[in-house]
Amino acid sequence: MSDQSNLKSSGDADEHCEGKKDSLYKNDSWLREQYNAQQKTEDEIAELADVHKNTIRRWMDKYNIERRSPSEAQSEGNIEPLKDSDWLREQYWGKRKTPVEIGDELGLSHKPVWTWLDKHGIETRSAAEAQTEGDIESLKDPDWLREQYWDHGRTLAEIADDLNVTDVTVNKYMKKHGIKRRDTTSPEVQSDGNIEPLKEPEWLTEQYVENELSAGKIAEKLGVSKTPVLRYMHEHGIEPRSIAERNSNGNVEPLRDANWLRRRYVEDELSQYEIAESLGISARTVANWLDRHGIEIRSHGFDPDHLPHRVRSEWELVVANLLCDIGVKYEYESLEIEYGDGRIYTPDFVTDRYVIEVKGHVYSNEIEKAHVAMEHLDERDYVVVGTELPADIHIPLENQVALHRLFE
C-alpha cells in the first residue's frame, strides 16, 4: 500500500496555532502595508500581532498577498553563489558544510540554501547523515550494499560501524536501492546467538528488572540483537523502562509508591509536568508510572482550543505544539497502513517528509507495526518520538532539539 493512499483531512494546518485574540492582521490594507510597504517578514508581523506565523500566512493567502521567495526575503545577503550548482555542491558535499553554515557565510538564512539545493537537484543528506562524518560513498553502490547485507549476512549495525555512520543511514540507502531486509522480527534469525534463555520469563525478568540490565546488554550477553530481547519481553509482559528512566539523573523512587503518586496527581491535582519537574525527570516517566499503578490519567487538556484536532496524550500535545511553533504543516492520524489480517495502523503525525509516531507505552504488536510502516513508506522517513522502536529515526521525547532539527 502506498503511503500516499488513504489520506483523510484533519483540518487546515494553518489554523493549528492561531492566536486567541483578534488583531489588525485580519485587515487587508494593514497586512499589505506591513508586508509590502514596510517590508516586514511574516515572523515580524506575527510578533507584532501576537499570533503565530501560520496565522499571518493564512490571512495573506485569503487576501491573495503574494509572498516573497526565500531568496528575495534575504536581500541583505548574497545569493549569487547559490546559483552556481558546482560551487554549491562543493560546499555541501565536498566540504561537508551544513545549509546553516553556508547561509551564515553568505549572510543568509538556511532557507534559500535549501531552495537552491533543490533547484540544482543536489541530493541532500538525511538528518542522520548530517550528524556523522562517516563514509557514505559505499552505501551509494547498491551492488556493494546488497553483497554486504545478503551475501555476507551482515547486520545494518555491522555495516554502519565499518563506515562510521548510523544504522539509520544504512537503512535509508537500503530502502533507496530497493534492497529487501531480512525478517528481523523473528528471534530465530539470530542463529549465531543463544535465544533459549529469553524464552524463560523468570530469567528475563531477573536480568532486566532485578539486575537492571538494559535490553542491549542482555542481547550482548547472549550474542543476539536487541530485537529478540524486546520481542520476548513483550511476550512475557515485561514492560520496558522508558528512555527517561534509563538516562535520567533524577529521582524515580517516589513514583514507585502508588499512594504518594496518587496524592500528588489526584488529591493535589499536580500535572504530570509539575511532578516530573519536582523529581528532575520527564513527564513521560510520570505517565508510565501512573499507568502502572492504574491511576487514571486526566483527559482534559487533550482537546486544546488552538488545535483543530484532539490528541490522545500529553506527549502528543508536546509534539503538536512543537510542530506548530516551528511552522510545520501536518495532518493528524490521516494515514492508514494495513498490516496483519486486515488490521489498520494509524501513525500520529504526517508531514511532507516524515511520518511521526509518538510512543509512550509499548504494546505487543508495536514492533510489527513499526516494521510495516518502514516497509510501506517509500517517500517519507518513519520517525518514532519517545520509547525506542524500530524506525528510520528515533528521538527521545525529551530531546526536542533533535525533532526541531528534522525540519531545518
Protein backbone atom coordinates (compact mmCIF):
# COMPACT_ATOMS: atom_id res chain seq x y z
CA MET A 1 0.00 0.00 0.00
CA SER A 2 1.41 3.39 -0.92
CA ASP A 3 1.98 5.93 1.82
CA GLN A 4 0.02 8.38 -0.30
CA SER A 5 -3.16 6.29 -0.07
CA ASN A 6 -5.99 6.52 2.46
CA LEU A 7 -5.15 10.09 3.46
CA LYS A 8 -8.01 11.87 5.17
CA SER A 9 -8.23 15.54 6.08
CA SER A 10 -7.73 16.58 9.67
CA GLY A 11 -8.23 20.30 9.36
CA ASP A 12 -6.44 23.30 7.94
CA ALA A 13 -2.85 23.03 9.14
CA ASP A 14 -2.50 26.81 9.09
CA GLU A 15 -5.15 27.03 11.81
CA HIS A 16 -3.19 24.82 14.23
CA CYS A 17 -1.58 27.66 16.06
CA GLU A 18 -3.97 30.53 15.64
CA GLY A 19 -3.87 33.04 18.47
CA LYS A 20 -6.76 33.71 20.79
CA LYS A 21 -7.38 37.40 20.09
CA ASP A 22 -8.38 39.39 17.05
CA SER A 23 -5.89 41.82 15.60
CA LEU A 24 -5.22 44.16 12.71
CA TYR A 25 -3.74 41.24 10.79
CA LYS A 26 -7.29 40.47 9.59
CA ASN A 27 -7.33 43.85 7.84
CA ASP A 28 -6.27 43.60 4.20
CA SER A 29 -4.81 47.11 3.99
CA TRP A 30 -2.89 46.84 7.24
CA LEU A 31 -1.42 43.49 6.29
CA ARG A 32 -0.31 44.74 2.86
CA GLU A 33 1.21 47.83 4.44
CA GLN A 34 3.28 45.78 6.87
CA TYR A 35 4.42 43.19 4.36
CA ASN A 36 4.83 45.15 1.11
CA ALA A 37 5.36 48.79 2.06
CA GLN A 38 7.34 48.27 5.27
CA GLN A 39 8.93 45.02 4.04
CA LYS A 40 8.37 43.26 7.34
CA THR A 41 8.80 39.49 7.47
CA GLU A 42 5.98 37.12 8.38
CA ASP A 43 7.71 36.48 11.69
CA GLU A 44 7.90 40.19 12.45
CA ILE A 45 4.23 40.71 11.61
CA ALA A 46 3.26 37.70 13.69
CA GLU A 47 5.21 39.05 16.66
CA LEU A 48 3.62 42.45 16.19
CA ALA A 49 0.13 40.91 16.11
CA ASP A 50 0.87 38.41 18.89
CA VAL A 51 -0.13 35.40 16.79
CA HIS A 52 1.68 32.51 15.13
CA LYS A 53 3.34 32.95 11.72
CA ASN A 54 0.96 30.41 10.20
CA THR A 55 -1.97 32.65 11.07
CA ILE A 56 -0.37 35.52 9.16
CA ARG A 57 0.24 33.23 6.20
CA ARG A 58 -3.38 32.09 6.18
CA TRP A 59 -4.71 35.65 6.06
CA MET A 60 -2.18 36.63 3.40
CA ASP A 61 -3.42 33.73 1.29
CA LYS A 62 -7.00 34.82 1.93
CA TYR A 63 -6.23 38.30 0.57
CA ASN A 64 -4.03 36.92 -2.25
CA ILE A 65 -0.97 38.75 -0.99
CA GLU A 66 1.94 37.25 -2.90
CA ARG A 67 4.75 36.23 -0.59
CA ARG A 68 8.39 36.88 -1.28
CA SER A 69 10.57 33.92 -2.20
CA PRO A 70 13.14 32.80 0.38
CA SER A 71 15.95 34.33 -1.68
CA GLU A 72 14.09 37.63 -2.10
CA ALA A 73 13.48 37.74 1.63
CA GLN A 74 17.22 37.58 2.20
CA SER A 75 18.03 40.74 0.23
CA GLU A 76 20.80 41.80 2.61
CA GLY A 77 22.79 38.66 1.90
CA ASN A 78 24.50 37.36 -1.22
CA ILE A 79 22.54 34.70 -3.06
CA GLU A 80 24.63 34.79 -6.23
CA PRO A 81 26.99 31.93 -5.24
CA LEU A 82 23.94 29.70 -4.64
CA LYS A 83 23.06 29.95 -8.34
CA ASP A 84 26.29 28.15 -9.22
CA SER A 85 25.50 24.43 -8.87
CA ASP A 86 29.14 23.35 -8.89
CA TRP A 87 30.03 25.81 -6.13
CA LEU A 88 27.06 24.79 -4.00
CA ARG A 89 27.74 21.08 -4.49
CA GLU A 90 31.35 21.59 -3.45
CA GLN A 91 30.32 23.46 -0.29
CA TYR A 92 27.65 20.93 0.67
CA TRP A 93 29.23 17.62 -0.32
CA GLY A 94 32.92 18.40 -0.88
CA LYS A 95 33.41 20.48 2.26
CA ARG A 96 30.53 18.85 4.17
CA LYS A 97 29.06 22.18 5.22
CA THR A 98 25.51 22.38 6.52
CA PRO A 99 22.90 24.69 4.92
CA VAL A 100 23.11 26.81 8.07
CA GLU A 101 26.89 27.19 7.70
CA ILE A 102 26.60 28.01 4.01
CA GLY A 103 23.87 30.53 4.75
CA ASP A 104 25.88 32.17 7.54
CA GLU A 105 28.85 32.69 5.21
CA LEU A 106 26.60 34.41 2.66
CA GLY A 107 24.65 36.48 5.18
CA LEU A 108 21.51 34.43 4.55
CA SER A 109 19.27 32.07 6.43
CA HIS A 110 19.41 28.36 5.67
CA LYS A 111 16.13 28.53 3.70
CA PRO A 112 17.49 29.89 0.38
CA VAL A 113 20.31 27.35 0.61
CA TRP A 114 17.75 24.54 0.76
CA THR A 115 15.85 26.18 -2.11
CA TRP A 116 18.87 26.23 -4.41
CA LEU A 117 19.97 22.73 -3.43
CA ASP A 118 16.56 21.60 -4.61
CA LYS A 119 16.67 23.73 -7.80
CA HIS A 120 20.02 22.22 -8.77
CA GLY A 121 18.84 18.71 -8.00
CA ILE A 122 21.62 18.25 -5.45
CA GLU A 123 20.85 15.24 -3.27
CA THR A 124 20.72 16.22 0.39
CA ARG A 125 21.87 14.34 3.44
CA SER A 126 19.31 12.79 5.74
CA ALA A 127 19.01 14.01 9.32
CA ALA A 128 21.05 11.00 10.41
CA GLU A 129 23.75 11.55 7.79
CA ALA A 130 24.04 15.18 8.80
CA GLN A 131 25.19 14.05 12.24
CA THR A 132 28.09 11.94 11.02
CA GLU A 133 31.45 12.37 9.34
CA GLY A 134 31.42 8.76 8.18
CA ASP A 135 31.80 7.35 4.69
CA ILE A 136 28.51 7.12 2.82
CA GLU A 137 30.04 6.67 -0.64
CA SER A 138 29.99 2.88 -0.35
CA LEU A 139 26.29 2.99 0.54
CA LYS A 140 25.52 4.63 -2.79
CA ASP A 141 26.58 1.43 -4.57
CA PRO A 142 23.54 -0.90 -4.48
CA ASP A 143 25.58 -3.95 -5.53
CA TRP A 144 28.10 -3.44 -2.73
CA LEU A 145 25.39 -2.89 -0.14
CA ARG A 146 23.37 -5.91 -1.30
CA GLU A 147 26.51 -8.08 -1.14
CA GLN A 148 27.34 -6.94 2.38
CA TYR A 149 23.82 -7.47 3.67
CA TRP A 150 22.69 -10.62 1.86
CA ASP A 151 25.80 -12.46 0.62
CA HIS A 152 27.87 -11.84 3.76
CA GLY A 153 24.87 -11.87 6.10
CA ARG A 154 25.95 -8.70 7.87
CA THR A 155 23.62 -6.63 10.02
CA LEU A 156 22.86 -2.97 9.46
CA ALA A 157 24.75 -2.18 12.66
CA GLU A 158 27.86 -4.02 11.48
CA ILE A 159 27.84 -2.23 8.12
CA ALA A 160 27.28 1.08 9.88
CA ASP A 161 30.18 0.50 12.29
CA ASP A 162 32.58 -0.16 9.41
CA LEU A 163 31.59 3.05 7.66
CA ASN A 164 31.34 5.17 10.81
CA VAL A 165 27.70 6.00 10.12
CA THR A 166 24.47 5.12 11.90
CA ASP A 167 22.32 2.10 11.10
CA VAL A 168 19.58 4.62 10.25
CA THR A 169 21.75 5.86 7.37
CA VAL A 170 22.37 2.31 6.15
CA ASN A 171 18.67 1.53 6.30
CA LYS A 172 17.86 4.67 4.30
CA TYR A 173 20.10 3.53 1.45
CA MET A 174 18.68 0.01 1.67
CA LYS A 175 15.25 1.49 1.04
CA LYS A 176 16.54 3.79 -1.68
CA HIS A 177 18.08 0.85 -3.57
CA GLY A 178 15.03 -1.35 -3.01
CA ILE A 179 17.02 -3.93 -1.03
CA LYS A 180 14.60 -6.03 0.97
CA ARG A 181 15.51 -6.57 4.62
CA ARG A 182 15.59 -9.84 6.49
CA ASP A 183 12.74 -10.58 8.88
CA THR A 184 14.43 -9.20 11.96
CA THR A 185 11.22 -9.50 13.98
CA SER A 186 11.75 -13.24 14.22
CA PRO A 187 14.09 -14.30 17.01
CA GLU A 188 15.02 -17.40 15.08
CA VAL A 189 17.09 -15.32 12.66
CA GLN A 190 19.62 -14.94 15.46
CA SER A 191 21.12 -18.34 14.72
CA ASP A 192 24.61 -17.44 15.90
CA GLY A 193 23.42 -16.50 19.35
CA ASN A 194 21.51 -18.22 22.14
CA ILE A 195 17.86 -17.23 22.38
CA GLU A 196 16.84 -20.06 24.71
CA PRO A 197 17.17 -18.06 27.96
CA LEU A 198 14.84 -15.42 26.50
CA LYS A 199 12.01 -17.96 26.45
CA GLU A 200 12.10 -18.18 30.24
CA PRO A 201 10.12 -15.25 31.73
CA GLU A 202 11.72 -15.67 35.17
CA TRP A 203 15.24 -15.46 33.75
CA LEU A 204 14.49 -12.44 31.58
CA THR A 205 12.68 -10.68 34.41
CA GLU A 206 15.65 -11.24 36.69
CA GLN A 207 18.08 -9.83 34.13
CA TYR A 208 16.02 -6.80 33.17
CA VAL A 209 14.12 -5.90 36.33
CA GLU A 210 16.21 -7.19 39.23
CA ASN A 211 19.69 -6.87 37.74
CA GLU A 212 18.61 -3.74 35.82
CA LEU A 213 20.45 -4.80 32.66
CA SER A 214 19.36 -2.99 29.50
CA ALA A 215 17.86 -4.89 26.55
CA GLY A 216 21.08 -4.14 24.68
CA LYS A 217 23.24 -5.61 27.46
CA ILE A 218 21.11 -8.74 27.63
CA ALA A 219 21.39 -9.10 23.86
CA GLU A 220 25.16 -8.70 24.00
CA LYS A 221 25.33 -11.28 26.77
CA LEU A 222 23.54 -13.84 24.57
CA GLY A 223 25.19 -12.91 21.29
CA VAL A 224 21.95 -11.76 19.65
CA SER A 225 20.49 -8.44 18.55
CA LYS A 226 18.19 -6.36 20.72
CA THR A 227 15.14 -7.26 18.61
CA PRO A 228 14.50 -10.77 20.05
CA VAL A 229 15.08 -9.45 23.57
CA LEU A 230 12.39 -6.81 23.12
CA ARG A 231 10.07 -9.33 21.48
CA TYR A 232 10.28 -11.82 24.35
CA MET A 233 9.89 -9.01 26.87
CA HIS A 234 6.61 -8.13 25.18
CA GLU A 235 5.51 -11.77 25.12
CA HIS A 236 6.26 -12.16 28.86
CA GLY A 237 4.57 -8.87 29.74
CA ILE A 238 7.80 -7.25 30.95
CA GLU A 239 7.30 -3.53 30.48
CA PRO A 240 10.41 -1.78 29.14
CA ARG A 241 11.84 1.15 31.02
CA SER A 242 11.38 4.50 29.37
CA ILE A 243 14.35 6.29 27.85
CA ALA A 244 13.99 8.88 30.57
CA GLU A 245 14.22 6.27 33.31
CA ARG A 246 17.33 4.77 31.73
CA ASN A 247 19.12 8.05 31.25
CA SER A 248 17.68 10.31 33.90
CA ASN A 249 19.76 11.76 36.72
CA GLY A 250 16.52 12.49 38.55
CA ASN A 251 14.75 10.54 41.27
CA VAL A 252 12.15 7.98 40.14
CA GLU A 253 11.86 6.28 43.57
CA PRO A 254 8.80 8.28 44.76
CA LEU A 255 6.92 7.15 41.65
CA ARG A 256 7.14 3.52 42.80
CA ASP A 257 4.87 4.43 45.73
CA ALA A 258 1.32 4.34 44.34
CA ASN A 259 -0.13 6.21 47.34
CA TRP A 260 2.42 9.01 47.04
CA LEU A 261 1.79 9.40 43.31
CA ARG A 262 -2.00 9.30 43.76
CA ARG A 263 -1.82 12.04 46.40
CA ARG A 264 0.29 14.29 44.20
CA TYR A 265 -1.66 13.70 40.98
CA VAL A 266 -5.24 13.17 42.17
CA GLU A 267 -5.55 14.94 45.52
CA ASP A 268 -3.07 17.79 44.99
CA GLU A 269 -4.03 17.99 41.29
CA LEU A 270 -0.46 18.45 40.13
CA SER A 271 0.13 17.89 36.44
CA GLN A 272 2.48 15.22 35.10
CA TYR A 273 4.87 18.02 34.14
CA GLU A 274 4.85 19.54 37.63
CA ILE A 275 5.53 16.17 39.25
CA ALA A 276 8.25 15.45 36.71
CA GLU A 277 9.91 18.80 37.26
CA SER A 278 9.98 18.28 41.04
CA LEU A 279 11.79 14.95 40.56
CA GLY A 280 14.13 16.01 37.78
CA ILE A 281 12.68 13.52 35.28
CA SER A 282 10.44 13.64 32.21
CA ALA A 283 6.64 13.81 32.18
CA ARG A 284 6.65 10.65 30.11
CA THR A 285 8.16 8.73 33.04
CA VAL A 286 5.44 10.04 35.35
CA ALA A 287 2.78 8.92 32.87
CA ASN A 288 4.33 5.44 32.73
CA TRP A 289 4.06 5.07 36.50
CA LEU A 290 0.52 6.43 36.60
CA ASP A 291 -0.39 3.72 34.13
CA ARG A 292 1.45 1.01 36.08
CA HIS A 293 -0.42 1.90 39.28
CA GLY A 294 -3.76 2.03 37.48
CA ILE A 295 -4.21 5.73 38.22
CA GLU A 296 -6.48 7.20 35.56
CA ILE A 297 -4.77 9.94 33.60
CA ARG A 298 -6.80 13.10 33.32
CA SER A 299 -8.08 13.66 29.81
CA HIS A 300 -8.80 17.38 29.98
CA GLY A 301 -6.31 19.43 28.04
CA PHE A 302 -6.23 16.85 25.24
CA ASP A 303 -8.73 18.88 23.19
CA PRO A 304 -6.94 22.24 23.18
CA ASP A 305 -8.54 25.30 21.60
CA HIS A 306 -5.52 26.14 19.45
CA LEU A 307 -5.58 22.79 17.59
CA PRO A 308 -8.24 21.61 15.12
CA HIS A 309 -7.96 18.06 16.45
CA ARG A 310 -7.83 16.18 19.72
CA VAL A 311 -4.67 14.47 20.91
CA ARG A 312 -4.52 11.23 22.85
CA SER A 313 -1.82 12.12 25.34
CA GLU A 314 0.25 14.93 26.79
CA TRP A 315 3.19 13.62 24.76
CA GLU A 316 1.24 14.06 21.54
CA LEU A 317 0.32 17.55 22.68
CA VAL A 318 4.02 18.34 23.20
CA VAL A 319 4.85 17.22 19.66
CA ALA A 320 1.83 19.01 18.14
CA ASN A 321 2.84 22.24 19.88
CA LEU A 322 6.43 21.88 18.73
CA LEU A 323 5.40 21.32 15.10
CA CYS A 324 3.08 24.26 15.44
CA ASP A 325 5.75 26.51 16.92
CA ILE A 326 8.22 25.84 14.11
CA GLY A 327 5.57 26.30 11.43
CA VAL A 328 5.42 22.72 10.10
CA LYS A 329 2.22 21.78 8.31
CA TYR A 330 0.94 18.36 9.29
CA GLU A 331 -2.08 16.09 9.27
CA TYR A 332 -3.15 14.19 12.36
CA GLU A 333 -3.95 10.47 12.07
CA SER A 334 -4.55 10.87 8.33
CA LEU A 335 -2.56 7.86 7.10
CA GLU A 336 -3.87 4.31 7.30
CA ILE A 337 -1.47 1.38 6.86
CA GLU A 338 -2.85 -2.13 6.60
CA TYR A 339 -0.98 -4.95 8.34
CA GLY A 340 -1.60 -8.45 9.61
CA ASP A 341 -5.08 -9.80 8.92
CA GLY A 342 -6.66 -6.61 7.68
CA ARG A 343 -5.76 -4.58 10.76
CA ILE A 344 -5.13 -0.86 10.36
CA TYR A 345 -2.23 1.11 11.85
CA THR A 346 -2.67 4.89 12.01
CA PRO A 347 0.51 6.85 12.86
CA ASP A 348 0.09 10.12 14.72
CA PHE A 349 1.51 12.93 12.56
CA VAL A 350 2.08 13.10 8.81
CA THR A 351 4.22 15.82 7.22
CA ASP A 352 5.55 16.10 3.67
CA ARG A 353 8.85 14.45 4.69
CA TYR A 354 8.12 12.37 7.78
CA VAL A 355 5.55 10.13 9.41
CA ILE A 356 5.85 10.62 13.16
CA GLU A 357 4.68 8.15 15.80
CA VAL A 358 4.64 9.37 19.41
CA LYS A 359 5.16 6.33 21.59
CA GLY A 360 4.86 6.03 25.35
CA HIS A 361 3.68 2.59 26.44
CA VAL A 362 4.75 -0.18 24.03
CA TYR A 363 2.28 -2.97 23.35
CA SER A 364 2.99 -6.42 21.96
CA ASN A 365 2.33 -5.54 18.30
CA GLU A 366 4.23 -2.24 18.20
CA ILE A 367 7.40 -3.72 16.69
CA GLU A 368 5.37 -5.36 13.92
CA LYS A 369 3.60 -2.09 13.14
CA ALA A 370 6.90 -0.20 13.07
CA HIS A 371 8.42 -2.60 10.55
CA VAL A 372 5.29 -2.47 8.39
CA ALA A 373 5.39 1.34 8.43
CA MET A 374 9.02 1.45 7.28
CA GLU A 375 8.24 -1.05 4.52
CA HIS A 376 5.32 0.96 3.17
CA LEU A 377 6.74 4.47 3.48
CA ASP A 378 8.69 4.84 0.24
CA GLU A 379 8.97 8.62 0.21
CA ARG A 380 8.88 9.54 3.88
CA ASP A 381 11.02 8.55 6.84
CA TYR A 382 9.35 6.83 9.79
CA VAL A 383 10.17 8.75 12.98
CA VAL A 384 9.45 7.42 16.46
CA VAL A 385 9.39 10.03 19.23
CA GLY A 386 9.51 8.59 22.72
CA THR A 387 10.07 4.95 23.64
CA GLU A 388 12.55 3.24 21.32
CA LEU A 389 11.13 1.13 18.49
CA PRO A 390 12.41 0.16 15.03
CA ALA A 391 12.43 3.37 12.98
CA ASP A 392 14.33 5.32 10.36
CA ILE A 393 14.90 7.94 13.03
CA HIS A 394 14.36 7.63 16.79
CA ILE A 395 14.17 10.71 19.02
CA PRO A 396 13.66 10.61 22.81
CA LEU A 397 10.75 12.83 23.80
CA GLU A 398 12.95 14.99 25.99
CA ASN A 399 15.28 15.73 23.04
CA GLN A 400 13.03 18.27 21.35
CA VAL A 401 16.05 19.93 19.76
CA ALA A 402 16.60 16.83 17.62
CA LEU A 403 12.97 16.90 16.48
CA HIS A 404 13.30 20.57 15.62
CA ARG A 405 16.41 19.86 13.53
CA LEU A 406 14.50 17.45 11.31
CA PHE A 407 12.72 20.43 9.80
CA GLU A 408 15.65 22.82 9.44
